[in-house]
Amino acid sequence: MSWEIIWMILGFILLIAEMFTVTFFIMWFGVSALFTALLSWLWIDSFTLQLLIFAIVSFLLVLFTRKLANKMSGEPSRKITQDEIIGKTGIVTETILSDNSKGLVKMNGQVWRAVSENGTEIERGRKVIVKRLYGVKIYVEEIEKEN
């Protein structure tokens, strides 16, 4: 298999992987791989030179498009620490299923993917408390109704 085919397959795999994220980060590596595939098809035979072009183009795309990606998402990226979110309460905006395949919680004006801490279904409109944060998901428990 030729290098241009390998670069093209890698590019498409990375672009498909980007569809499952919201970062606009993996996409640039996919674009770089496709650009490298084009150059290797046109005139570059050396794998070392292809790898160098891939690295340089990836670096430049990430460097010069981060601000654009932040503008497209509407908010500047900000890291959330666990201390900022654990113990906070929110409202379920999309029912959290017991198999954890779906679920959204709105908290402080932000919507988070949510998982039930104890594996129970939590209906839309219920109040929950955040027990832990893992990646981009919050693990929540339903706040019992007061009688």
C-alpha atoms as a PDB file:
ATOM      1  CA  MET A   1       0.000   0.000   0.000  1.00  0.00           C
ATOM      2  CA  SER A   2       1.398   3.413  -0.943  1.00  0.00           C
ATOM      3  CA  TRP A   3       2.035   6.199   1.553  1.00  0.00           C
ATOM      4  CA  GLU A   4      -0.543   8.527   0.001  1.00  0.00           C
ATOM      5  CA  ILE A   5      -3.251   5.901   0.596  1.00  0.00           C
ATOM      6  CA  ILE A   6      -2.109   5.424   4.197  1.00  0.00           C
ATOM      7  CA  TRP A   7      -2.119   9.202   4.816  1.00  0.00           C
ATOM      8  CA  MET A   8      -5.580   9.476   3.235  1.00  0.00           C
ATOM      9  CA  ILE A   9      -7.001   6.668   5.389  1.00  0.00           C
ATOM     10  CA  LEU A  10      -5.457   8.252   8.496  1.00  0.00           C
ATOM     11  CA  GLY A  11      -6.944  11.625   7.529  1.00  0.00           C
ATOM     12  CA  PHE A  12     -10.438  10.227   7.125  1.00  0.00           C
ATOM     13  CA  ILE A  13     -10.203   8.250  10.369  1.00  0.00           C
ATOM     14  CA  LEU A  14      -9.195  11.410  12.242  1.00  0.00           C
ATOM     15  CA  LEU A  15     -11.980  13.460  10.641  1.00  0.00           C
ATOM     16  CA  ILE A  16     -14.525  10.798  11.574  1.00  0.00           C
ATOM     17  CA  ALA A  17     -13.130  10.713  15.129  1.00  0.00           C
ATOM     18  CA  GLU A  18     -13.664  14.490  15.339  1.00  0.00           C
ATOM     19  CA  MET A  19     -17.388  13.953  14.814  1.00  0.00           C
ATOM     20  CA  PHE A  20     -17.512  12.252  18.210  1.00  0.00           C
ATOM     21  CA  THR A  21     -15.816  15.158  20.012  1.00  0.00           C
ATOM     22  CA  VAL A  22     -16.588  18.840  20.351  1.00  0.00           C
ATOM     23  CA  THR A  23     -13.041  20.124  20.552  1.00  0.00           C
ATOM     24  CA  PHE A  24     -12.137  21.031  16.938  1.00  0.00           C
ATOM     25  CA  PHE A  25      -8.722  19.568  17.748  1.00  0.00           C
ATOM     26  CA  ILE A  26      -8.498  16.162  16.063  1.00  0.00           C
ATOM     27  CA  MET A  27      -9.885  17.673  12.862  1.00  0.00           C
ATOM     28  CA  TRP A  28      -6.684  19.612  12.209  1.00  0.00           C
ATOM     29  CA  PHE A  29      -4.611  16.425  12.298  1.00  0.00           C
ATOM     30  CA  GLY A  30      -7.029  14.875   9.817  1.00  0.00           C
ATOM     31  CA  VAL A  31      -6.685  17.866   7.504  1.00  0.00           C
ATOM     32  CA  SER A  32      -2.889  17.667   7.867  1.00  0.00           C
ATOM     33  CA  ALA A  33      -2.912  13.968   6.982  1.00  0.00           C
ATOM     34  CA  LEU A  34      -5.014  14.649   3.875  1.00  0.00           C
ATOM     35  CA  PHE A  35      -2.684  17.516   2.878  1.00  0.00           C
ATOM     36  CA  THR A  36       0.289  15.194   3.355  1.00  0.00           C
ATOM     37  CA  ALA A  37      -1.466  12.551   1.213  1.00  0.00           C
ATOM     38  CA  LEU A  38      -1.880  15.098  -1.574  1.00  0.00           C
ATOM     39  CA  LEU A  39       1.769  16.162  -1.429  1.00  0.00           C
ATOM     40  CA  SER A  40       2.988  12.564  -1.328  1.00  0.00           C
ATOM     41  CA  TRP A  41       0.848  11.774  -4.365  1.00  0.00           C
ATOM     42  CA  LEU A  42       2.199  14.804  -6.254  1.00  0.00           C
ATOM     43  CA  TRP A  43       5.927  14.750  -5.561  1.00  0.00           C
ATOM     44  CA  ILE A  44       7.196  13.731  -2.103  1.00  0.00           C
ATOM     45  CA  ASP A  45       8.515  10.166  -1.901  1.00  0.00           C
ATOM     46  CA  SER A  46      10.459  10.399   1.347  1.00  0.00           C
ATOM     47  CA  PHE A  47       8.459   9.206   4.361  1.00  0.00           C
ATOM     48  CA  THR A  48      10.662  11.321   6.662  1.00  0.00           C
ATOM     49  CA  LEU A  49       9.780  14.449   4.693  1.00  0.00           C
ATOM     50  CA  GLN A  50       6.094  13.454   4.691  1.00  0.00           C
ATOM     51  CA  LEU A  51       6.180  13.028   8.465  1.00  0.00           C
ATOM     52  CA  LEU A  52       7.888  16.407   8.873  1.00  0.00           C
ATOM     53  CA  ILE A  53       5.252  18.099   6.673  1.00  0.00           C
ATOM     54  CA  PHE A  54       2.456  16.416   8.654  1.00  0.00           C
ATOM     55  CA  ALA A  55       3.946  17.640  11.948  1.00  0.00           C
ATOM     56  CA  ILE A  56       4.523  21.212  10.741  1.00  0.00           C
ATOM     57  CA  VAL A  57       1.089  21.586   9.129  1.00  0.00           C
ATOM     58  CA  SER A  58      -0.600  20.091  12.215  1.00  0.00           C
ATOM     59  CA  PHE A  59       1.263  22.461  14.511  1.00  0.00           C
ATOM     60  CA  LEU A  60       0.416  25.504  12.394  1.00  0.00           C
ATOM     61  CA  LEU A  61      -3.262  24.596  12.065  1.00  0.00           C
ATOM     62  CA  VAL A  62      -3.653  24.031  15.800  1.00  0.00           C
ATOM     63  CA  LEU A  63      -1.697  27.197  16.633  1.00  0.00           C
ATOM     64  CA  PHE A  64      -3.573  29.530  14.286  1.00  0.00           C
ATOM     65  CA  THR A  65      -7.094  28.123  14.583  1.00  0.00           C
ATOM     66  CA  ARG A  66      -7.592  27.761  18.365  1.00  0.00           C
ATOM     67  CA  LYS A  67      -9.048  31.265  18.584  1.00  0.00           C
ATOM     68  CA  LEU A  68     -11.342  30.514  15.657  1.00  0.00           C
ATOM     69  CA  ALA A  69     -12.506  27.282  17.306  1.00  0.00           C
ATOM     70  CA  ASN A  70     -13.196  29.151  20.553  1.00  0.00           C
ATOM     71  CA  LYS A  71     -15.231  31.759  18.659  1.00  0.00           C
ATOM     72  CA  MET A  72     -17.203  29.030  16.890  1.00  0.00           C
ATOM     73  CA  SER A  73     -18.071  27.380  20.182  1.00  0.00           C
ATOM     74  CA  GLY A  74     -19.267  30.724  21.552  1.00  0.00           C
ATOM     75  CA  GLU A  75     -17.306  30.632  24.779  1.00  0.00           C
ATOM     76  CA  PRO A  76     -13.633  30.660  25.616  1.00  0.00           C
ATOM     77  CA  SER A  77     -12.393  27.308  26.828  1.00  0.00           C
ATOM     78  CA  ARG A  78     -12.035  27.097  30.564  1.00  0.00           C
ATOM     79  CA  LYS A  79     -10.953  24.252  32.746  1.00  0.00           C
ATOM     80  CA  ILE A  80     -13.368  23.232  35.465  1.00  0.00           C
ATOM     81  CA  THR A  81     -11.868  21.854  38.629  1.00  0.00           C
ATOM     82  CA  GLN A  82     -13.631  19.176  40.584  1.00  0.00           C
ATOM     83  CA  ASP A  83     -13.840  21.476  43.597  1.00  0.00           C
ATOM     84  CA  GLU A  84     -15.891  23.957  41.557  1.00  0.00           C
ATOM     85  CA  ILE A  85     -18.561  21.450  40.598  1.00  0.00           C
ATOM     86  CA  ILE A  86     -18.826  18.635  43.162  1.00  0.00           C
ATOM     87  CA  GLY A  87     -21.722  19.219  45.552  1.00  0.00           C
ATOM     88  CA  LYS A  88     -23.507  21.680  43.238  1.00  0.00           C
ATOM     89  CA  THR A  89     -27.135  21.123  42.293  1.00  0.00           C
ATOM     90  CA  GLY A  90     -28.753  21.162  38.890  1.00  0.00           C
ATOM     91  CA  ILE A  91     -31.933  20.301  37.007  1.00  0.00           C
ATOM     92  CA  VAL A  92     -32.245  17.309  34.666  1.00  0.00           C
ATOM     93  CA  THR A  93     -33.126  18.660  31.201  1.00  0.00           C
ATOM     94  CA  GLU A  94     -33.055  15.279  29.424  1.00  0.00           C
ATOM     95  CA  THR A  95     -33.965  12.126  31.342  1.00  0.00           C
ATOM     96  CA  ILE A  96     -30.900  10.257  32.572  1.00  0.00           C
ATOM     97  CA  LEU A  97     -31.416   6.655  31.526  1.00  0.00           C
ATOM     98  CA  SER A  98     -30.427   3.769  33.807  1.00  0.00           C
ATOM     99  CA  ASP A  99     -27.996   2.431  31.178  1.00  0.00           C
ATOM    100  CA  ASN A 100     -26.351   5.901  31.113  1.00  0.00           C
ATOM    101  CA  SER A 101     -26.759   6.211  27.339  1.00  0.00           C
ATOM    102  CA  LYS A 102     -28.527   9.593  27.603  1.00  0.00           C
ATOM    103  CA  GLY A 103     -28.922  12.378  30.073  1.00  0.00           C
ATOM    104  CA  LEU A 104     -28.360  16.113  30.433  1.00  0.00           C
ATOM    105  CA  VAL A 105     -28.260  18.385  33.462  1.00  0.00           C
ATOM    106  CA  LYS A 106     -28.346  22.179  33.481  1.00  0.00           C
ATOM    107  CA  MET A 107     -26.263  23.780  36.193  1.00  0.00           C
ATOM    108  CA  ASN A 108     -25.190  27.411  36.506  1.00  0.00           C
ATOM    109  CA  GLY A 109     -26.362  28.116  32.959  1.00  0.00           C
ATOM    110  CA  GLN A 110     -24.284  25.281  31.483  1.00  0.00           C
ATOM    111  CA  VAL A 111     -25.552  21.960  30.156  1.00  0.00           C
ATOM    112  CA  TRP A 112     -23.570  18.851  31.093  1.00  0.00           C
ATOM    113  CA  ARG A 113     -23.729  15.229  29.974  1.00  0.00           C
ATOM    114  CA  ALA A 114     -24.858  13.378  33.059  1.00  0.00           C
ATOM    115  CA  VAL A 115     -24.675   9.826  34.354  1.00  0.00           C
ATOM    116  CA  SER A 116     -26.586   8.389  37.287  1.00  0.00           C
ATOM    117  CA  GLU A 117     -24.139   7.631  40.103  1.00  0.00           C
ATOM    118  CA  ASN A 118     -26.153   4.632  41.288  1.00  0.00           C
ATOM    119  CA  GLY A 119     -27.511   3.465  37.916  1.00  0.00           C
ATOM    120  CA  THR A 120     -31.114   4.587  38.389  1.00  0.00           C
ATOM    121  CA  GLU A 121     -33.210   6.503  35.890  1.00  0.00           C
ATOM    122  CA  ILE A 122     -33.700  10.166  36.808  1.00  0.00           C
ATOM    123  CA  GLU A 123     -36.598  11.912  35.096  1.00  0.00           C
ATOM    124  CA  ARG A 124     -36.558  15.288  33.408  1.00  0.00           C
ATOM    125  CA  GLY A 125     -37.224  18.204  35.766  1.00  0.00           C
ATOM    126  CA  ARG A 126     -35.779  16.489  38.852  1.00  0.00           C
ATOM    127  CA  LYS A 127     -33.142  18.144  41.030  1.00  0.00           C
ATOM    128  CA  VAL A 128     -29.784  16.409  41.273  1.00  0.00           C
ATOM    129  CA  ILE A 129     -26.509  16.884  43.119  1.00  0.00           C
ATOM    130  CA  VAL A 130     -23.106  16.333  41.523  1.00  0.00           C
ATOM    131  CA  LYS A 131     -21.133  13.544  43.175  1.00  0.00           C
ATOM    132  CA  ARG A 132     -18.113  13.478  40.887  1.00  0.00           C
ATOM    133  CA  LEU A 133     -16.703  14.687  37.592  1.00  0.00           C
ATOM    134  CA  TYR A 134     -15.014  12.378  35.109  1.00  0.00           C
ATOM    135  CA  GLY A 135     -13.867  13.844  31.783  1.00  0.00           C
ATOM    136  CA  VAL A 136     -16.810  15.794  30.383  1.00  0.00           C
ATOM    137  CA  LYS A 137     -19.482  13.866  32.291  1.00  0.00           C
ATOM    138  CA  ILE A 138     -20.879  14.539  35.709  1.00  0.00           C
ATOM    139  CA  TYR A 139     -22.084  11.745  37.950  1.00  0.00           C
ATOM    140  CA  VAL A 140     -25.199  12.775  39.837  1.00  0.00           C
ATOM    141  CA  GLU A 141     -27.709  11.545  42.402  1.00  0.00           C
ATOM    142  CA  GLU A 142     -31.298  12.630  42.600  1.00  0.00           C
ATOM    143  CA  ILE A 143     -32.199  14.888  45.508  1.00  0.00           C
ATOM    144  CA  GLU A 144     -35.076  13.308  47.392  1.00  0.00           C
ATOM    145  CA  LYS A 145     -38.328  15.248  47.575  1.00  0.00           C
ATOM    146  CA  GLU A 146     -39.082  16.772  50.932  1.00  0.00           C
ATOM    147  CA  ASN A 147     -42.492  15.752  52.297  1.00  0.00           C
END
